């Protein structure tokens, strides 16, 4: 009976598809859910030092999303996002390559949908269920009360509106995103004066990296540092909520009231 079970399990594993990912967020889901033997290639962005998966990605075959290199891979599926070049995806289809395209997760529920879809594609239902359980743990975290007026502020004066994953996370955690008062629903740029005029009670700084750069100069403006004496300032690395995966739990924990 044991031999039979092992044989079935091995056959099931052999039938699992081999995939290549050309987008960072699909890279991250693949690494979380797939067997190593299933991963033929990840996008080169995965190996960026600021990527959460750069250590694992450095050991993988990386691609730059070019038609020629993707055609040379022996895969069952190419995994892409809604932002990837539609001409590339069309050409892959013309060559008989199966492409599975994922919509960007703008809510935790959409992240759950993508996890289910990826686990189905990879034939990894148990790992998918485990990842969903981890994501559901956000609901058990302590939430802030009073719905404080909150601004999600990033480099170059960009703020995140309600149609973003970061906004959905902060609202789950009890914060009120005031970006709509600046007519921003997705991502939009505002002036320092507008930031002050919006009168936030909480500013959540979202930084891509810890390296100081001109692009992130706004986060070090003296006027914002002065404002920080009057409001609560929380820092959440962009990489923790740019994709819909387990890292959302860590981002949410940073928002638990202290």
Foldseek 3Di string as FASTA:
>chain_A
DVVVVVVVVVVLLVPFWAEEEADLQVVVLCVQFADPVNYQEYAPVCLPPLAPNNVVRVVHHHDPLDLVVVVPTDTQEYEEEPPDDVVSVVVCVVVVHHYDYQYADFALVSLLVVLVVVCVNRVRVVSSVVFVVLSVCLLVFAADPDQFEEWEAEFQQKTAASSHHVNNLNVSRRHDYPVVVVVHHGIDHDDPVVVVVSPGQEYEYEYSDPDDDNRRVVVVDVVVVVVCVRHPYFYDYNNLRSYNTSSSSVRSVSNRDD
